[in-house]
Amino acid sequence: MLLYPCGLDVSSRSLSFLAARLREHRRRIESRRRRLPVGRQALLVLAHLRNGTTYARLAAGFGIGTSTVFRYIREAVDLLAALAPTLEEAVRAASMKAYVLLDGTLLPIDRIAADRPFHSGKHKKHGMNVQVIADPFGRLPWASPALPGAVHDVRAAREHGTINALDQARIPCWTDKGYQGARSTIWVPFRGRWETLSAGQQTANRSQAKIRALVEQAMATLKNRRLLRKLRCSTTRITHLVQAVLTLHLHHASSATG
């Protein structure tokens, strides 16, 4: 196998942050000898999360076995996922904002036609439904656990308790038409064909669309990770991956503003 050097578009802050968490973890479990030091393990994990680099390629590039790569990635992803904010923490932070944006996105997976629970009729593909909350500036403070793609957005939001949490905190929330039937603090566009809506309803829908457009910036936080563009892992691990990416994003954002 031929090896060659390449560049990796990751933040040095993310590398230092993950290396520190791994160092603390190794000290806590009293792990003495490892094939890779914490800095190299952190780089390996970031390469996987950023570019979706396969275990086989990482094993060849770092000079370790594929099973070792699997264990290293799983260990680091679980550490990062445990640091992701809960819905309660996100709602508490959102209470300081004028409003929030709620939307769902589909993370594609490699499933076949027989796997109906994972097939999204809206997107015409197999995937996992992830709900995100964005602030008025399009920043991503929270992402939900992943549900099968066949789950509708409003049902997913109810299962996660998102609608109840926002309603109880009395936080105004803008959504799209996929959240029809939600409670009073959830603002949904008027339904119906455009020509059947009144002038006032059309104006309101246009205004809401401009506000909701900012949620795409939050979605991009997840979608610019190549790993999440086509997931080939077990569906039971996708929530951990999303939460790990969220933790790295929030740390990078807080470091940049701090």
C-alpha atoms as a PDB file:
ATOM      1  CA  MET A   1       0.000   0.000   0.000  1.00  0.00           C
ATOM      2  CA  LEU A   2       1.292   3.456  -0.960  1.00  0.00           C
ATOM      3  CA  LEU A   3       1.181   6.211   1.653  1.00  0.00           C
ATOM      4  CA  TYR A   4       1.331   9.943   1.051  1.00  0.00           C
ATOM      5  CA  PRO A   5       0.990  13.056   3.242  1.00  0.00           C
ATOM      6  CA  CYS A   6      -2.129  15.204   2.982  1.00  0.00           C
ATOM      7  CA  GLY A   7      -3.652  18.237   4.646  1.00  0.00           C
ATOM      8  CA  LEU A   8      -6.541  18.068   7.108  1.00  0.00           C
ATOM      9  CA  ASP A   9      -8.882  21.020   7.529  1.00  0.00           C
ATOM     10  CA  VAL A  10      -9.341  20.937  11.314  1.00  0.00           C
ATOM     11  CA  SER A  11      -8.891  23.531  14.028  1.00  0.00           C
ATOM     12  CA  SER A  12      -5.847  23.337  16.297  1.00  0.00           C
ATOM     13  CA  ARG A  13      -8.229  24.326  19.119  1.00  0.00           C
ATOM     14  CA  SER A  14     -10.334  21.241  18.429  1.00  0.00           C
ATOM     15  CA  LEU A  15      -7.224  19.084  18.375  1.00  0.00           C
ATOM     16  CA  SER A  16      -5.994  20.454  21.706  1.00  0.00           C
ATOM     17  CA  PHE A  17      -9.459  20.168  23.255  1.00  0.00           C
ATOM     18  CA  LEU A  18      -9.923  16.531  22.255  1.00  0.00           C
ATOM     19  CA  ALA A  19      -6.372  15.612  23.237  1.00  0.00           C
ATOM     20  CA  ALA A  20      -6.970  17.075  26.707  1.00  0.00           C
ATOM     21  CA  ARG A  21     -10.195  15.076  27.123  1.00  0.00           C
ATOM     22  CA  LEU A  22      -8.419  11.890  26.053  1.00  0.00           C
ATOM     23  CA  ARG A  23      -5.535  12.561  28.421  1.00  0.00           C
ATOM     24  CA  GLU A  24      -7.961  12.997  31.324  1.00  0.00           C
ATOM     25  CA  HIS A  25      -9.763   9.804  30.331  1.00  0.00           C
ATOM     26  CA  ARG A  26      -6.572   7.747  30.155  1.00  0.00           C
ATOM     27  CA  ARG A  27      -5.511   9.063  33.547  1.00  0.00           C
ATOM     28  CA  ARG A  28      -8.920   8.259  35.010  1.00  0.00           C
ATOM     29  CA  ILE A  29      -8.941   4.640  33.798  1.00  0.00           C
ATOM     30  CA  GLU A  30      -5.199   4.290  34.487  1.00  0.00           C
ATOM     31  CA  SER A  31      -4.395   3.339  30.916  1.00  0.00           C
ATOM     32  CA  ARG A  32      -0.617   3.198  30.636  1.00  0.00           C
ATOM     33  CA  ARG A  33       0.538   1.884  27.279  1.00  0.00           C
ATOM     34  CA  ARG A  34      -1.165   2.782  24.019  1.00  0.00           C
ATOM     35  CA  ARG A  35      -0.122   2.428  20.407  1.00  0.00           C
ATOM     36  CA  LEU A  36      -0.709   6.140  19.838  1.00  0.00           C
ATOM     37  CA  PRO A  37      -0.199   9.148  22.153  1.00  0.00           C
ATOM     38  CA  VAL A  38      -3.247  11.307  22.867  1.00  0.00           C
ATOM     39  CA  GLY A  39      -2.326  13.886  20.226  1.00  0.00           C
ATOM     40  CA  ARG A  40      -2.167  11.279  17.472  1.00  0.00           C
ATOM     41  CA  GLN A  41      -5.383   9.631  18.640  1.00  0.00           C
ATOM     42  CA  ALA A  42      -7.115  13.012  18.594  1.00  0.00           C
ATOM     43  CA  LEU A  43      -5.864  13.662  15.059  1.00  0.00           C
ATOM     44  CA  LEU A  44      -7.085  10.242  13.946  1.00  0.00           C
ATOM     45  CA  VAL A  45     -10.557  10.878  15.365  1.00  0.00           C
ATOM     46  CA  LEU A  46     -10.829  14.358  13.853  1.00  0.00           C
ATOM     47  CA  ALA A  47      -9.817  12.989  10.450  1.00  0.00           C
ATOM     48  CA  HIS A  48     -12.661  10.505  10.687  1.00  0.00           C
ATOM     49  CA  LEU A  49     -15.236  13.035  11.892  1.00  0.00           C
ATOM     50  CA  ARG A  50     -14.213  15.716   9.418  1.00  0.00           C
ATOM     51  CA  ASN A  51     -13.601  13.740   6.219  1.00  0.00           C
ATOM     52  CA  GLY A  52     -15.232  10.385   6.919  1.00  0.00           C
ATOM     53  CA  THR A  53     -11.882   8.670   6.378  1.00  0.00           C
ATOM     54  CA  THR A  54     -12.380   4.902   6.567  1.00  0.00           C
ATOM     55  CA  TYR A  55     -10.946   2.745   9.316  1.00  0.00           C
ATOM     56  CA  ALA A  56      -8.743   0.892   6.824  1.00  0.00           C
ATOM     57  CA  ARG A  57      -7.147   4.088   5.519  1.00  0.00           C
ATOM     58  CA  LEU A  58      -6.653   5.460   9.012  1.00  0.00           C
ATOM     59  CA  ALA A  59      -5.068   2.187  10.093  1.00  0.00           C
ATOM     60  CA  ALA A  60      -2.602   2.336   7.203  1.00  0.00           C
ATOM     61  CA  GLY A  61      -1.846   6.017   7.714  1.00  0.00           C
ATOM     62  CA  PHE A  62      -1.240   5.747  11.474  1.00  0.00           C
ATOM     63  CA  GLY A  63       0.457   2.357  11.395  1.00  0.00           C
ATOM     64  CA  ILE A  64      -2.017   0.553  13.645  1.00  0.00           C
ATOM     65  CA  GLY A  65      -4.653  -2.155  13.227  1.00  0.00           C
ATOM     66  CA  THR A  66      -8.194  -1.556  12.021  1.00  0.00           C
ATOM     67  CA  SER A  67      -9.645  -2.852  15.288  1.00  0.00           C
ATOM     68  CA  THR A  68      -7.470  -0.361  17.199  1.00  0.00           C
ATOM     69  CA  VAL A  69      -8.781   2.465  15.015  1.00  0.00           C
ATOM     70  CA  PHE A  70     -12.331   1.337  15.784  1.00  0.00           C
ATOM     71  CA  ARG A  71     -11.678   1.359  19.545  1.00  0.00           C
ATOM     72  CA  TYR A  72      -9.907   4.729  19.453  1.00  0.00           C
ATOM     73  CA  ILE A  73     -12.727   6.399  17.518  1.00  0.00           C
ATOM     74  CA  ARG A  74     -15.477   4.870  19.618  1.00  0.00           C
ATOM     75  CA  GLU A  75     -13.721   5.918  22.834  1.00  0.00           C
ATOM     76  CA  ALA A  76     -13.244   9.534  21.720  1.00  0.00           C
ATOM     77  CA  VAL A  77     -16.722   9.890  20.209  1.00  0.00           C
ATOM     78  CA  ASP A  78     -18.326   8.671  23.440  1.00  0.00           C
ATOM     79  CA  LEU A  79     -16.263  11.169  25.458  1.00  0.00           C
ATOM     80  CA  LEU A  80     -17.301  14.056  23.210  1.00  0.00           C
ATOM     81  CA  ALA A  81     -20.955  12.994  23.033  1.00  0.00           C
ATOM     82  CA  ALA A  82     -21.183  12.971  26.822  1.00  0.00           C
ATOM     83  CA  LEU A  83     -20.204  16.656  26.833  1.00  0.00           C
ATOM     84  CA  ALA A  84     -22.946  17.758  24.413  1.00  0.00           C
ATOM     85  CA  PRO A  85     -25.612  20.045  25.942  1.00  0.00           C
ATOM     86  CA  THR A  86     -28.932  18.535  26.916  1.00  0.00           C
ATOM     87  CA  LEU A  87     -32.255  19.907  25.717  1.00  0.00           C
ATOM     88  CA  GLU A  88     -32.825  21.474  29.145  1.00  0.00           C
ATOM     89  CA  GLU A  89     -29.492  23.295  28.954  1.00  0.00           C
ATOM     90  CA  ALA A  90     -30.214  24.458  25.410  1.00  0.00           C
ATOM     91  CA  VAL A  91     -33.672  25.761  26.364  1.00  0.00           C
ATOM     92  CA  ARG A  92     -32.217  27.552  29.387  1.00  0.00           C
ATOM     93  CA  ALA A  93     -29.734  29.317  27.108  1.00  0.00           C
ATOM     94  CA  ALA A  94     -32.467  29.991  24.533  1.00  0.00           C
ATOM     95  CA  SER A  95     -34.566  31.784  27.134  1.00  0.00           C
ATOM     96  CA  MET A  96     -32.087  34.648  26.831  1.00  0.00           C
ATOM     97  CA  LYS A  97     -32.896  35.007  23.106  1.00  0.00           C
ATOM     98  CA  ALA A  98     -35.765  36.808  21.418  1.00  0.00           C
ATOM     99  CA  TYR A  99     -36.736  33.592  19.613  1.00  0.00           C
ATOM    100  CA  VAL A 100     -35.292  30.343  18.261  1.00  0.00           C
ATOM    101  CA  LEU A 101     -35.588  28.358  15.050  1.00  0.00           C
ATOM    102  CA  LEU A 102     -36.528  24.681  14.959  1.00  0.00           C
ATOM    103  CA  ASP A 103     -36.073  22.411  11.971  1.00  0.00           C
ATOM    104  CA  GLY A 104     -35.240  18.837  11.044  1.00  0.00           C
ATOM    105  CA  THR A 105     -32.653  17.458   8.669  1.00  0.00           C
ATOM    106  CA  LEU A 106     -32.091  14.021   7.157  1.00  0.00           C
ATOM    107  CA  LEU A 107     -28.648  12.444   7.487  1.00  0.00           C
ATOM    108  CA  PRO A 108     -28.347   9.910   4.640  1.00  0.00           C
ATOM    109  CA  ILE A 109     -27.452   6.312   5.497  1.00  0.00           C
ATOM    110  CA  ASP A 110     -26.550   3.291   3.384  1.00  0.00           C
ATOM    111  CA  ARG A 111     -29.728   1.265   3.781  1.00  0.00           C
ATOM    112  CA  ILE A 112     -31.623  -0.733   1.188  1.00  0.00           C
ATOM    113  CA  ALA A 113     -35.224  -0.404   0.084  1.00  0.00           C
ATOM    114  CA  ALA A 114     -36.366  -3.081   2.559  1.00  0.00           C
ATOM    115  CA  ASP A 115     -35.458  -0.858   5.506  1.00  0.00           C
ATOM    116  CA  ARG A 116     -38.724   1.079   5.418  1.00  0.00           C
ATOM    117  CA  PRO A 117     -38.475   2.662   8.892  1.00  0.00           C
ATOM    118  CA  PHE A 118     -35.418   4.570   7.688  1.00  0.00           C
ATOM    119  CA  HIS A 119     -36.924   5.772   4.411  1.00  0.00           C
ATOM    120  CA  SER A 120     -38.029   9.405   4.305  1.00  0.00           C
ATOM    121  CA  GLY A 121     -40.935   9.982   1.962  1.00  0.00           C
ATOM    122  CA  LYS A 122     -40.173  13.713   1.983  1.00  0.00           C
ATOM    123  CA  HIS A 123     -36.558  13.319   0.879  1.00  0.00           C
ATOM    124  CA  LYS A 124     -37.030  10.076  -1.103  1.00  0.00           C
ATOM    125  CA  LYS A 125     -34.023   8.434   0.532  1.00  0.00           C
ATOM    126  CA  HIS A 126     -32.965   6.468   3.584  1.00  0.00           C
ATOM    127  CA  GLY A 127     -31.626   8.396   6.538  1.00  0.00           C
ATOM    128  CA  MET A 128     -31.919   9.511  10.156  1.00  0.00           C
ATOM    129  CA  ASN A 129     -34.022  12.454  11.312  1.00  0.00           C
ATOM    130  CA  VAL A 130     -32.120  14.951  13.475  1.00  0.00           C
ATOM    131  CA  GLN A 131     -33.845  18.000  14.945  1.00  0.00           C
ATOM    132  CA  VAL A 132     -31.844  21.180  15.481  1.00  0.00           C
ATOM    133  CA  ILE A 133     -32.438  24.400  17.372  1.00  0.00           C
ATOM    134  CA  ALA A 134     -30.810  27.560  16.015  1.00  0.00           C
ATOM    135  CA  ASP A 135     -30.574  31.004  17.595  1.00  0.00           C
ATOM    136  CA  PRO A 136     -31.541  34.258  15.787  1.00  0.00           C
ATOM    137  CA  PHE A 137     -28.027  34.449  14.306  1.00  0.00           C
ATOM    138  CA  GLY A 138     -28.141  30.970  12.782  1.00  0.00           C
ATOM    139  CA  ARG A 139     -25.843  29.428  15.385  1.00  0.00           C
ATOM    140  CA  LEU A 140     -26.336  25.828  16.480  1.00  0.00           C
ATOM    141  CA  PRO A 141     -26.729  25.335  20.257  1.00  0.00           C
ATOM    142  CA  TRP A 142     -28.449  21.917  20.201  1.00  0.00           C
ATOM    143  CA  ALA A 143     -29.027  18.844  18.051  1.00  0.00           C
ATOM    144  CA  SER A 144     -31.343  15.995  18.957  1.00  0.00           C
ATOM    145  CA  PRO A 145     -30.758  12.251  19.094  1.00  0.00           C
ATOM    146  CA  ALA A 146     -31.276  10.634  15.700  1.00  0.00           C
ATOM    147  CA  LEU A 147     -34.564   8.924  14.829  1.00  0.00           C
ATOM    148  CA  PRO A 148     -35.402   6.821  11.733  1.00  0.00           C
ATOM    149  CA  GLY A 149     -36.017   8.915   8.633  1.00  0.00           C
ATOM    150  CA  ALA A 150     -39.650   7.834   8.367  1.00  0.00           C
ATOM    151  CA  VAL A 151     -40.443   9.818  11.524  1.00  0.00           C
ATOM    152  CA  HIS A 152     -42.106  13.131  10.648  1.00  0.00           C
ATOM    153  CA  ASP A 153     -40.583  16.354  11.983  1.00  0.00           C
ATOM    154  CA  VAL A 154     -43.423  17.264  14.348  1.00  0.00           C
ATOM    155  CA  ARG A 155     -43.524  13.731  15.744  1.00  0.00           C
ATOM    156  CA  ALA A 156     -39.759  13.748  16.246  1.00  0.00           C
ATOM    157  CA  ALA A 157     -39.947  17.087  18.061  1.00  0.00           C
ATOM    158  CA  ARG A 158     -42.652  15.734  20.338  1.00  0.00           C
ATOM    159  CA  GLU A 159     -40.739  12.525  21.084  1.00  0.00           C
ATOM    160  CA  HIS A 160     -37.672  14.522  22.093  1.00  0.00           C
ATOM    161  CA  GLY A 161     -39.812  16.822  24.250  1.00  0.00           C
ATOM    162  CA  THR A 162     -38.672  19.863  22.292  1.00  0.00           C
ATOM    163  CA  ILE A 163     -42.122  21.339  21.764  1.00  0.00           C
ATOM    164  CA  ASN A 164     -43.092  20.918  25.416  1.00  0.00           C
ATOM    165  CA  ALA A 165     -39.803  22.412  26.636  1.00  0.00           C
ATOM    166  CA  LEU A 166     -40.094  25.499  24.404  1.00  0.00           C
ATOM    167  CA  ASP A 167     -43.762  25.940  25.253  1.00  0.00           C
ATOM    168  CA  GLN A 168     -43.206  25.706  29.008  1.00  0.00           C
ATOM    169  CA  ALA A 169     -40.327  28.195  28.793  1.00  0.00           C
ATOM    170  CA  ARG A 170     -42.545  30.485  26.669  1.00  0.00           C
ATOM    171  CA  ILE A 171     -39.854  30.837  24.020  1.00  0.00           C
ATOM    172  CA  PRO A 172     -41.155  31.943  20.578  1.00  0.00           C
ATOM    173  CA  CYS A 173     -40.069  29.458  17.932  1.00  0.00           C
ATOM    174  CA  TRP A 174     -40.257  29.694  14.142  1.00  0.00           C
ATOM    175  CA  THR A 175     -40.708  26.481  12.156  1.00  0.00           C
ATOM    176  CA  ASP A 176     -41.804  25.317   8.721  1.00  0.00           C
ATOM    177  CA  LYS A 177     -45.064  23.645   7.720  1.00  0.00           C
ATOM    178  CA  GLY A 178     -43.806  20.280   8.940  1.00  0.00           C
ATOM    179  CA  TYR A 179     -44.729  21.287  12.499  1.00  0.00           C
ATOM    180  CA  GLN A 180     -48.452  21.819  12.006  1.00  0.00           C
ATOM    181  CA  GLY A 181     -50.366  21.099  15.210  1.00  0.00           C
ATOM    182  CA  ALA A 182     -47.640  22.283  17.573  1.00  0.00           C
ATOM    183  CA  ARG A 183     -48.456  24.524  20.529  1.00  0.00           C
ATOM    184  CA  SER A 184     -48.892  28.264  20.861  1.00  0.00           C
ATOM    185  CA  THR A 185     -45.243  29.336  21.052  1.00  0.00           C
ATOM    186  CA  ILE A 186     -44.478  27.418  17.826  1.00  0.00           C
ATOM    187  CA  TRP A 187     -45.156  29.695  14.874  1.00  0.00           C
ATOM    188  CA  VAL A 188     -45.958  27.780  11.692  1.00  0.00           C
ATOM    189  CA  PRO A 189     -46.617  29.293   8.223  1.00  0.00           C
ATOM    190  CA  PHE A 190     -50.162  29.374   6.881  1.00  0.00           C
ATOM    191  CA  ARG A 191     -51.060  26.248   4.930  1.00  0.00           C
ATOM    192  CA  GLY A 192     -52.662  26.160   1.524  1.00  0.00           C
ATOM    193  CA  ARG A 193     -51.834  26.904  -2.106  1.00  0.00           C
ATOM    194  CA  TRP A 194     -50.260  30.315  -2.564  1.00  0.00           C
ATOM    195  CA  GLU A 195     -53.104  31.661  -4.668  1.00  0.00           C
ATOM    196  CA  THR A 196     -55.683  30.640  -2.040  1.00  0.00           C
ATOM    197  CA  LEU A 197     -53.958  32.575   0.768  1.00  0.00           C
ATOM    198  CA  SER A 198     -54.983  36.115   1.557  1.00  0.00           C
ATOM    199  CA  ALA A 199     -52.573  38.997   0.995  1.00  0.00           C
ATOM    200  CA  GLY A 200     -51.921  39.194   4.736  1.00  0.00           C
ATOM    201  CA  GLN A 201     -51.171  35.463   4.943  1.00  0.00           C
ATOM    202  CA  GLN A 202     -48.811  35.657   1.973  1.00  0.00           C
ATOM    203  CA  THR A 203     -46.965  38.568   3.585  1.00  0.00           C
ATOM    204  CA  ALA A 204     -46.702  36.670   6.878  1.00  0.00           C
ATOM    205  CA  ASN A 205     -45.342  33.566   5.118  1.00  0.00           C
ATOM    206  CA  ARG A 206     -42.735  35.610   3.257  1.00  0.00           C
ATOM    207  CA  SER A 207     -41.585  37.237   6.490  1.00  0.00           C
ATOM    208  CA  GLN A 208     -41.369  33.882   8.243  1.00  0.00           C
ATOM    209  CA  ALA A 209     -39.397  32.385   5.358  1.00  0.00           C
ATOM    210  CA  LYS A 210     -36.768  35.133   5.672  1.00  0.00           C
ATOM    211  CA  ILE A 211     -36.422  34.477   9.390  1.00  0.00           C
ATOM    212  CA  ARG A 212     -36.315  30.690   8.996  1.00  0.00           C
ATOM    213  CA  ALA A 213     -33.623  30.893   6.322  1.00  0.00           C
ATOM    214  CA  LEU A 214     -31.038  31.377   9.071  1.00  0.00           C
ATOM    215  CA  VAL A 215     -31.598  27.817  10.272  1.00  0.00           C
ATOM    216  CA  GLU A 216     -29.706  26.632   7.192  1.00  0.00           C
ATOM    217  CA  GLN A 217     -26.526  28.046   8.722  1.00  0.00           C
ATOM    218  CA  ALA A 218     -27.052  25.768  11.719  1.00  0.00           C
ATOM    219  CA  MET A 219     -27.738  22.814   9.413  1.00  0.00           C
ATOM    220  CA  ALA A 220     -24.476  23.505   7.599  1.00  0.00           C
ATOM    221  CA  THR A 221     -22.603  22.887  10.847  1.00  0.00           C
ATOM    222  CA  LEU A 222     -23.591  19.246  10.525  1.00  0.00           C
ATOM    223  CA  LYS A 223     -23.675  18.913   6.765  1.00  0.00           C
ATOM    224  CA  ASN A 224     -20.167  20.253   6.154  1.00  0.00           C
ATOM    225  CA  ARG A 225     -18.840  17.157   7.928  1.00  0.00           C
ATOM    226  CA  ARG A 226     -18.300  14.615   5.171  1.00  0.00           C
ATOM    227  CA  LEU A 227     -18.893  11.772   7.593  1.00  0.00           C
ATOM    228  CA  LEU A 228     -22.493  12.932   8.135  1.00  0.00           C
ATOM    229  CA  ARG A 229     -23.204  13.302   4.423  1.00  0.00           C
ATOM    230  CA  LYS A 230     -23.346   9.507   3.966  1.00  0.00           C
ATOM    231  CA  LEU A 231     -23.262   7.457   7.146  1.00  0.00           C
ATOM    232  CA  ARG A 232     -22.160   3.838   6.832  1.00  0.00           C
ATOM    233  CA  CYS A 233     -22.092   2.911  10.510  1.00  0.00           C
ATOM    234  CA  SER A 234     -24.706   1.266  12.698  1.00  0.00           C
ATOM    235  CA  THR A 235     -27.762   3.462  13.165  1.00  0.00           C
ATOM    236  CA  THR A 236     -27.332   3.052  16.935  1.00  0.00           C
ATOM    237  CA  ARG A 237     -24.079   5.035  16.743  1.00  0.00           C
ATOM    238  CA  ILE A 238     -25.359   8.016  14.753  1.00  0.00           C
ATOM    239  CA  THR A 239     -26.623   9.924  17.788  1.00  0.00           C
ATOM    240  CA  HIS A 240     -23.161   9.694  19.365  1.00  0.00           C
ATOM    241  CA  LEU A 241     -21.538  10.994  16.184  1.00  0.00           C
ATOM    242  CA  VAL A 242     -23.932  13.945  15.936  1.00  0.00           C
ATOM    243  CA  GLN A 243     -23.411  14.841  19.592  1.00  0.00           C
ATOM    244  CA  ALA A 244     -19.627  14.568  19.210  1.00  0.00           C
ATOM    245  CA  VAL A 245     -19.681  16.926  16.215  1.00  0.00           C
ATOM    246  CA  LEU A 246     -21.894  19.326  18.184  1.00  0.00           C
ATOM    247  CA  THR A 247     -19.465  19.347  21.131  1.00  0.00           C
ATOM    248  CA  LEU A 248     -16.509  20.147  18.873  1.00  0.00           C
ATOM    249  CA  HIS A 249     -18.485  22.894  17.130  1.00  0.00           C
ATOM    250  CA  LEU A 250     -19.558  24.537  20.390  1.00  0.00           C
ATOM    251  CA  HIS A 251     -16.039  24.423  21.806  1.00  0.00           C
ATOM    252  CA  HIS A 252     -14.590  25.950  18.632  1.00  0.00           C
ATOM    253  CA  ALA A 253     -17.278  28.656  18.590  1.00  0.00           C
ATOM    254  CA  SER A 254     -16.774  29.550  22.254  1.00  0.00           C
ATOM    255  CA  SER A 255     -12.989  29.655  21.824  1.00  0.00           C
ATOM    256  CA  ALA A 256     -13.282  31.909  18.801  1.00  0.00           C
ATOM    257  CA  THR A 257     -15.570  34.396  20.579  1.00  0.00           C
ATOM    258  CA  GLY A 258     -13.732  34.157  23.873  1.00  0.00           C
END
